[in-house]
Amino acid sequence: MAGTEVTRRDQPLPVRRISDWLDSPSLLLDWPNLTGWLDWPAFTAVRDSDRMLRIEEAIDKDTLVIRAEMPGIDPDKDVTIEMQDHTLEIRAERREEQTSEDNGNRRSEFRYGSFYRAVPLPADAKETDVKATYNDGILEVRIPCTPTPEKKRHRISIKRH
């Protein structure tokens, strides 16, 4: 893995339209055979796209670097990172509450939410020696990959009969 390639993973507008369609009660009436499929992880991810973490993937030499936006989250308490079936799973939960009183008026604001992202790893990714850091609202996970040898091109001769 040489060079630096960046892939952004975000939820574009069409996914939100699909999400609305999947939540529609008429879906089950139109296609009753899809009942079990709505619980399948891929459909759940599309349906719950508002809770999906935005990530950025990049290759830095022989390391896969995954960055996730997590402002206002305490990584020690609220973030779980696990590796399962050659997939990196990131879970986070935000619990934020602010209360203020001014001239007898009380104002309270709160923000709660859980976020999840599963990232399939490339075949050459090593599941050991994974490192994670958190700085300025960005979680960075670095996954070492086996260096792929540079492939040499060789010509194949053609024989005539």
Foldseek 3Di string as FASTA:
>chain_A
DDDKDKDWDADDPVLVVVLVVLPDPCVCVVPVVCVVVCPPVVNVCSNPVVQAWTWMWMCDGQKIKIKTFAPQFDCVPFWDWDADPQKIKIKGWHWDKDWDDDPNDIDIDIDIGMHMDIGRHDPQWDPPPWDWDDDNRMIMIITGGDDDDDDDDDDDDDDDD
